[in-house]
Amino acid sequence: MHELGITQGIIDRARDTAVANGARKVAGLHLLMTPAADFTQDSIEMYFEMLASDDELFKGAQLHFEHKPVAATCLSCSDEFSTDAPHPICPQCGSQLVRLDPDAPMVQLTDIDIDDGADEVA
């Protein structure tokens, strides 16, 4: 259930950035997910809807996901490879004893689309 906290953190960071840039509405959040995440895109979408649906700043905002592979190391044969699988199998020896890069982000806010009201005519 830590996806709830992660999603709240994404919303908090987006809010800080949006407010600092004079946003009236957030139209979209761009997120990068890697297989280091032990949760799915669906869970982030569900918690975002739950947390932001009544928030005027985020109402109607869309989530845009980019999925990126991470570096992995086989603990059996030491082969290093890139993977987009959350539970990879070593392509060299077939071992399931694989460690994903511990420094790889799970999910990261990379950009936000904002409406600052500049196009409105008074």
N, C-alpha and C. Protein backbone atom coordinates (compact mmCIF):
# COMPACT_ATOMS: atom_id res chain seq x y z
N MET A 1 0.81 -1.19 0.00
CA MET A 1 0.00 0.00 0.00
C MET A 1 0.86 1.26 0.00
N HIS A 2 2.17 1.13 -0.12
CA HIS A 2 3.01 2.31 -0.15
C HIS A 2 2.81 3.13 -1.43
N GLU A 3 2.06 2.57 -2.39
CA GLU A 3 1.73 3.32 -3.60
C GLU A 3 0.92 4.57 -3.27
N LEU A 4 0.11 4.49 -2.22
CA LEU A 4 -0.67 5.65 -1.78
C LEU A 4 0.28 6.79 -1.39
N GLY A 5 1.28 6.49 -0.58
CA GLY A 5 2.26 7.50 -0.16
C GLY A 5 3.08 8.02 -1.33
N ILE A 6 3.45 7.14 -2.24
CA ILE A 6 4.21 7.55 -3.42
C ILE A 6 3.38 8.48 -4.28
N THR A 7 2.11 8.12 -4.48
CA THR A 7 1.23 8.96 -5.29
C THR A 7 1.01 10.31 -4.62
N GLN A 8 0.84 10.32 -3.31
CA GLN A 8 0.69 11.59 -2.59
C GLN A 8 1.94 12.44 -2.75
N GLY A 9 3.12 11.82 -2.71
CA GLY A 9 4.37 12.55 -2.92
C GLY A 9 4.46 13.16 -4.31
N ILE A 10 3.98 12.43 -5.31
CA ILE A 10 3.97 12.95 -6.68
C ILE A 10 3.05 14.17 -6.76
N ILE A 11 1.88 14.06 -6.15
CA ILE A 11 0.93 15.18 -6.16
C ILE A 11 1.53 16.38 -5.43
N ASP A 12 2.17 16.15 -4.29
CA ASP A 12 2.77 17.25 -3.53
C ASP A 12 3.85 17.96 -4.33
N ARG A 13 4.73 17.18 -4.98
CA ARG A 13 5.79 17.79 -5.80
C ARG A 13 5.20 18.56 -6.98
N ALA A 14 4.19 17.98 -7.61
CA ALA A 14 3.55 18.65 -8.74
C ALA A 14 2.87 19.94 -8.29
N ARG A 15 2.22 19.90 -7.13
CA ARG A 15 1.55 21.09 -6.59
C ARG A 15 2.58 22.20 -6.33
N ASP A 16 3.67 21.85 -5.67
CA ASP A 16 4.71 22.85 -5.38
C ASP A 16 5.23 23.50 -6.66
N THR A 17 5.50 22.69 -7.67
CA THR A 17 6.00 23.20 -8.94
C THR A 17 4.96 24.04 -9.65
N ALA A 18 3.73 23.57 -9.67
CA ALA A 18 2.65 24.28 -10.35
C ALA A 18 2.41 25.65 -9.71
N VAL A 19 2.32 25.67 -8.39
CA VAL A 19 2.07 26.93 -7.68
C VAL A 19 3.24 27.89 -7.89
N ALA A 20 4.46 27.38 -7.83
CA ALA A 20 5.64 28.23 -8.03
C ALA A 20 5.68 28.84 -9.43
N ASN A 21 5.01 28.19 -10.38
CA ASN A 21 4.99 28.67 -11.76
C ASN A 21 3.67 29.34 -12.13
N GLY A 22 2.86 29.68 -11.14
CA GLY A 22 1.63 30.43 -11.37
C GLY A 22 0.52 29.65 -12.04
N ALA A 23 0.51 28.35 -11.87
CA ALA A 23 -0.51 27.52 -12.52
C ALA A 23 -1.88 27.72 -11.89
N ARG A 24 -2.88 27.73 -12.76
CA ARG A 24 -4.27 27.73 -12.29
C ARG A 24 -4.83 26.31 -12.33
N LYS A 25 -4.30 25.50 -13.23
CA LYS A 25 -4.71 24.10 -13.38
C LYS A 25 -3.50 23.28 -13.81
N VAL A 26 -3.49 22.04 -13.36
CA VAL A 26 -2.51 21.08 -13.86
C VAL A 26 -3.25 20.20 -14.86
N ALA A 27 -2.79 20.21 -16.10
CA ALA A 27 -3.45 19.44 -17.15
C ALA A 27 -2.89 18.02 -17.26
N GLY A 28 -1.63 17.84 -16.90
CA GLY A 28 -1.03 16.52 -17.02
C GLY A 28 0.21 16.36 -16.18
N LEU A 29 0.45 15.14 -15.76
CA LEU A 29 1.67 14.78 -15.04
C LEU A 29 2.38 13.72 -15.87
N HIS A 30 3.68 13.90 -16.08
CA HIS A 30 4.49 12.95 -16.83
C HIS A 30 5.34 12.17 -15.83
N LEU A 31 5.18 10.86 -15.86
CA LEU A 31 5.85 9.99 -14.91
C LEU A 31 6.72 8.97 -15.62
N LEU A 32 7.87 8.70 -15.03
CA LEU A 32 8.77 7.67 -15.52
C LEU A 32 8.68 6.51 -14.54
N MET A 33 8.38 5.33 -15.05
CA MET A 33 8.34 4.12 -14.20
C MET A 33 9.38 3.13 -14.69
N THR A 34 9.98 2.44 -13.73
CA THR A 34 10.95 1.40 -14.07
C THR A 34 10.50 0.10 -13.41
N PRO A 35 11.10 -1.01 -13.82
CA PRO A 35 10.74 -2.28 -13.19
C PRO A 35 11.17 -2.37 -11.72
N ALA A 36 11.91 -1.37 -11.25
CA ALA A 36 12.27 -1.36 -9.82
C ALA A 36 11.03 -1.13 -8.96
N ALA A 37 9.97 -0.59 -9.56
CA ALA A 37 8.72 -0.39 -8.83
C ALA A 37 8.08 -1.75 -8.56
N ASP A 38 7.69 -1.97 -7.33
CA ASP A 38 7.05 -3.24 -7.00
C ASP A 38 5.53 -3.08 -6.96
N PHE A 39 5.04 -2.19 -7.83
CA PHE A 39 3.61 -1.94 -7.99
C PHE A 39 3.35 -1.61 -9.45
N THR A 40 2.08 -1.51 -9.81
CA THR A 40 1.73 -1.30 -11.20
C THR A 40 1.31 0.14 -11.49
N GLN A 41 1.31 0.46 -12.75
CA GLN A 41 0.81 1.75 -13.22
C GLN A 41 -0.64 1.92 -12.80
N ASP A 42 -1.41 0.85 -12.85
CA ASP A 42 -2.83 0.90 -12.48
C ASP A 42 -3.02 1.39 -11.04
N SER A 43 -2.13 0.97 -10.14
CA SER A 43 -2.29 1.39 -8.75
C SER A 43 -2.02 2.88 -8.60
N ILE A 44 -1.05 3.42 -9.33
CA ILE A 44 -0.78 4.86 -9.29
C ILE A 44 -1.99 5.61 -9.85
N GLU A 45 -2.55 5.12 -10.95
CA GLU A 45 -3.72 5.76 -11.55
C GLU A 45 -4.91 5.76 -10.58
N MET A 46 -5.11 4.63 -9.90
CA MET A 46 -6.22 4.52 -8.96
C MET A 46 -6.06 5.50 -7.80
N TYR A 47 -4.88 5.53 -7.20
CA TYR A 47 -4.65 6.43 -6.07
C TYR A 47 -4.67 7.89 -6.51
N PHE A 48 -4.19 8.18 -7.70
CA PHE A 48 -4.25 9.56 -8.19
C PHE A 48 -5.69 10.01 -8.31
N GLU A 49 -6.53 9.16 -8.87
CA GLU A 49 -7.95 9.49 -9.00
C GLU A 49 -8.57 9.71 -7.62
N MET A 50 -8.23 8.87 -6.69
CA MET A 50 -8.78 8.96 -5.34
C MET A 50 -8.31 10.26 -4.65
N LEU A 51 -7.05 10.59 -4.77
CA LEU A 51 -6.48 11.73 -4.06
C LEU A 51 -6.75 13.08 -4.73
N ALA A 52 -6.86 13.09 -6.05
CA ALA A 52 -6.91 14.37 -6.77
C ALA A 52 -8.27 14.69 -7.40
N SER A 53 -9.22 13.79 -7.33
CA SER A 53 -10.48 14.01 -8.05
C SER A 53 -11.25 15.23 -7.57
N ASP A 54 -11.14 15.58 -6.30
CA ASP A 54 -11.86 16.74 -5.77
C ASP A 54 -10.97 17.97 -5.62
N ASP A 55 -9.75 17.89 -6.11
CA ASP A 55 -8.79 18.98 -6.00
C ASP A 55 -8.87 19.84 -7.25
N GLU A 56 -9.29 21.08 -7.12
CA GLU A 56 -9.49 21.95 -8.29
C GLU A 56 -8.21 22.11 -9.12
N LEU A 57 -7.06 22.11 -8.50
CA LEU A 57 -5.81 22.25 -9.24
C LEU A 57 -5.57 21.06 -10.17
N PHE A 58 -5.97 19.86 -9.74
CA PHE A 58 -5.69 18.63 -10.49
C PHE A 58 -6.91 18.05 -11.21
N LYS A 59 -8.07 18.63 -11.01
CA LYS A 59 -9.30 18.07 -11.60
C LYS A 59 -9.14 17.95 -13.12
N GLY A 60 -9.31 16.75 -13.64
CA GLY A 60 -9.19 16.50 -15.07
C GLY A 60 -7.77 16.25 -15.57
N ALA A 61 -6.80 16.31 -14.69
CA ALA A 61 -5.40 16.10 -15.10
C ALA A 61 -5.20 14.65 -15.56
N GLN A 62 -4.39 14.50 -16.58
CA GLN A 62 -4.09 13.17 -17.14
C GLN A 62 -2.69 12.73 -16.71
N LEU A 63 -2.55 11.44 -16.46
CA LEU A 63 -1.24 10.87 -16.17
C LEU A 63 -0.66 10.31 -17.46
N HIS A 64 0.59 10.61 -17.73
CA HIS A 64 1.30 10.11 -18.91
C HIS A 64 2.51 9.32 -18.41
N PHE A 65 2.54 8.04 -18.73
CA PHE A 65 3.60 7.16 -18.25
C PHE A 65 4.60 6.85 -19.33
N GLU A 66 5.86 6.87 -18.96
CA GLU A 66 6.94 6.37 -19.79
C GLU A 66 7.58 5.24 -18.99
N HIS A 67 7.82 4.12 -19.65
CA HIS A 67 8.43 2.98 -18.98
C HIS A 67 9.86 2.85 -19.50
N LYS A 68 10.79 2.68 -18.57
CA LYS A 68 12.20 2.65 -18.93
C LYS A 68 12.86 1.44 -18.28
N PRO A 69 13.71 0.74 -19.01
CA PRO A 69 14.41 -0.39 -18.42
C PRO A 69 15.47 0.08 -17.41
N VAL A 70 15.93 -0.85 -16.60
CA VAL A 70 16.99 -0.56 -15.64
C VAL A 70 18.11 -1.58 -15.79
N ALA A 71 19.26 -1.24 -15.22
CA ALA A 71 20.39 -2.15 -15.19
C ALA A 71 20.12 -3.25 -14.16
N ALA A 72 20.59 -4.44 -14.47
CA ALA A 72 20.42 -5.57 -13.57
C ALA A 72 21.71 -6.39 -13.56
N THR A 73 21.93 -7.09 -12.45
CA THR A 73 23.10 -7.94 -12.30
C THR A 73 22.66 -9.31 -11.82
N CYS A 74 23.13 -10.34 -12.50
CA CYS A 74 22.84 -11.70 -12.08
C CYS A 74 23.73 -12.05 -10.89
N LEU A 75 23.12 -12.52 -9.82
CA LEU A 75 23.88 -12.87 -8.63
C LEU A 75 24.52 -14.25 -8.75
N SER A 76 24.16 -15.00 -9.79
CA SER A 76 24.75 -16.32 -10.00
C SER A 76 25.99 -16.26 -10.88
N CYS A 77 25.89 -15.55 -12.01
CA CYS A 77 27.02 -15.53 -12.95
C CYS A 77 27.64 -14.15 -13.14
N SER A 78 27.11 -13.15 -12.48
CA SER A 78 27.61 -11.76 -12.53
C SER A 78 27.37 -11.05 -13.85
N ASP A 79 26.55 -11.64 -14.72
CA ASP A 79 26.24 -10.98 -15.99
C ASP A 79 25.48 -9.69 -15.69
N GLU A 80 25.81 -8.64 -16.42
CA GLU A 80 25.12 -7.36 -16.29
C GLU A 80 24.31 -7.13 -17.55
N PHE A 81 23.05 -6.74 -17.39
CA PHE A 81 22.17 -6.56 -18.55
C PHE A 81 21.11 -5.53 -18.21
N SER A 82 20.37 -5.12 -19.20
CA SER A 82 19.28 -4.17 -19.04
C SER A 82 17.98 -4.95 -19.14
N THR A 83 17.01 -4.55 -18.32
CA THR A 83 15.75 -5.27 -18.32
C THR A 83 14.56 -4.33 -18.10
N ASP A 84 13.44 -4.74 -18.66
CA ASP A 84 12.20 -4.01 -18.39
C ASP A 84 11.23 -4.90 -17.61
N ALA A 85 11.71 -6.03 -17.13
CA ALA A 85 10.89 -6.97 -16.37
C ALA A 85 11.07 -6.74 -14.87
N PRO A 86 10.00 -6.77 -14.10
CA PRO A 86 10.13 -6.58 -12.66
C PRO A 86 10.81 -7.76 -11.95
N HIS A 87 10.70 -8.94 -12.52
CA HIS A 87 11.35 -10.14 -11.96
C HIS A 87 12.11 -10.83 -13.10
N PRO A 88 13.24 -10.26 -13.49
CA PRO A 88 13.95 -10.77 -14.68
C PRO A 88 14.65 -12.10 -14.45
N ILE A 89 14.91 -12.75 -15.55
CA ILE A 89 15.69 -13.98 -15.59
C ILE A 89 16.97 -13.66 -16.34
N CYS A 90 18.09 -14.08 -15.82
CA CYS A 90 19.38 -13.79 -16.44
C CYS A 90 19.43 -14.38 -17.85
N PRO A 91 19.73 -13.55 -18.85
CA PRO A 91 19.80 -14.06 -20.22
C PRO A 91 21.03 -14.94 -20.46
N GLN A 92 22.01 -14.86 -19.59
CA GLN A 92 23.24 -15.64 -19.74
C GLN A 92 23.10 -17.05 -19.17
N CYS A 93 22.59 -17.15 -17.94
CA CYS A 93 22.56 -18.46 -17.28
C CYS A 93 21.15 -18.94 -16.89
N GLY A 94 20.15 -18.08 -17.04
CA GLY A 94 18.78 -18.47 -16.72
C GLY A 94 18.41 -18.36 -15.24
N SER A 95 19.29 -17.83 -14.43
CA SER A 95 19.02 -17.71 -13.00
C SER A 95 17.95 -16.65 -12.74
N GLN A 96 17.19 -16.89 -11.69
CA GLN A 96 16.21 -15.90 -11.24
C GLN A 96 16.78 -15.04 -10.11
N LEU A 97 18.01 -15.30 -9.74
CA LEU A 97 18.68 -14.52 -8.69
C LEU A 97 19.30 -13.29 -9.33
N VAL A 98 18.47 -12.29 -9.56
CA VAL A 98 18.88 -11.08 -10.25
C VAL A 98 18.58 -9.88 -9.38
N ARG A 99 19.54 -8.97 -9.31
CA ARG A 99 19.36 -7.74 -8.54
C ARG A 99 19.21 -6.58 -9.49
N LEU A 100 18.12 -5.82 -9.34
CA LEU A 100 17.94 -4.60 -10.12
C LEU A 100 18.79 -3.50 -9.50
N ASP A 101 19.19 -2.55 -10.31
CA ASP A 101 20.00 -1.42 -9.84
C ASP A 101 19.30 -0.78 -8.63
N PRO A 102 19.95 -0.80 -7.47
CA PRO A 102 19.30 -0.26 -6.27
C PRO A 102 19.11 1.26 -6.33
N ASP A 103 19.81 1.93 -7.23
CA ASP A 103 19.67 3.38 -7.35
C ASP A 103 18.65 3.79 -8.41
N ALA A 104 18.05 2.81 -9.08
CA ALA A 104 17.06 3.12 -10.11
C ALA A 104 15.79 3.65 -9.45
N PRO A 105 15.21 4.71 -10.02
CA PRO A 105 13.96 5.20 -9.44
C PRO A 105 12.82 4.23 -9.72
N MET A 106 11.86 4.16 -8.81
CA MET A 106 10.68 3.33 -9.05
C MET A 106 9.72 4.09 -9.96
N VAL A 107 9.32 5.27 -9.50
CA VAL A 107 8.46 6.15 -10.28
C VAL A 107 8.94 7.57 -9.99
N GLN A 108 8.97 8.36 -11.04
CA GLN A 108 9.54 9.70 -10.91
C GLN A 108 8.70 10.69 -11.71
N LEU A 109 8.38 11.81 -11.10
CA LEU A 109 7.70 12.90 -11.80
C LEU A 109 8.74 13.61 -12.65
N THR A 110 8.53 13.62 -13.98
CA THR A 110 9.53 14.23 -14.87
C THR A 110 9.09 15.57 -15.45
N ASP A 111 7.76 15.81 -15.50
CA ASP A 111 7.27 17.06 -16.08
C ASP A 111 5.80 17.23 -15.72
N ILE A 112 5.34 18.46 -15.76
CA ILE A 112 3.91 18.71 -15.58
C ILE A 112 3.45 19.68 -16.67
N ASP A 113 2.21 19.49 -17.10
CA ASP A 113 1.57 20.41 -18.05
C ASP A 113 0.66 21.31 -17.22
N ILE A 114 0.88 22.63 -17.33
CA ILE A 114 0.07 23.54 -16.54
C ILE A 114 -0.66 24.54 -17.42
N ASP A 115 -1.73 25.07 -16.85
CA ASP A 115 -2.49 26.15 -17.46
C ASP A 115 -2.32 27.34 -16.53
N ASP A 116 -1.65 28.37 -17.01
CA ASP A 116 -1.42 29.53 -16.16
C ASP A 116 -2.43 30.65 -16.40
N GLY A 117 -3.40 30.39 -17.29
CA GLY A 117 -4.43 31.37 -17.55
C GLY A 117 -3.98 32.48 -18.49
N ALA A 118 -2.78 32.39 -19.04
CA ALA A 118 -2.24 33.45 -19.90
C ALA A 118 -3.01 33.60 -21.19
N ASP A 119 -3.68 32.54 -21.64
CA ASP A 119 -4.41 32.59 -22.91
C ASP A 119 -5.82 33.17 -22.73
N GLU A 120 -6.23 33.38 -21.50
CA GLU A 120 -7.59 33.87 -21.25
C GLU A 120 -7.67 35.38 -21.55
N VAL A 121 -8.78 35.80 -22.10
CA VAL A 121 -9.01 37.20 -22.38
C VAL A 121 -9.99 37.73 -21.34
N ALA A 122 -9.63 38.84 -20.72
CA ALA A 122 -10.47 39.39 -19.66
C ALA A 122 -11.58 40.25 -20.23
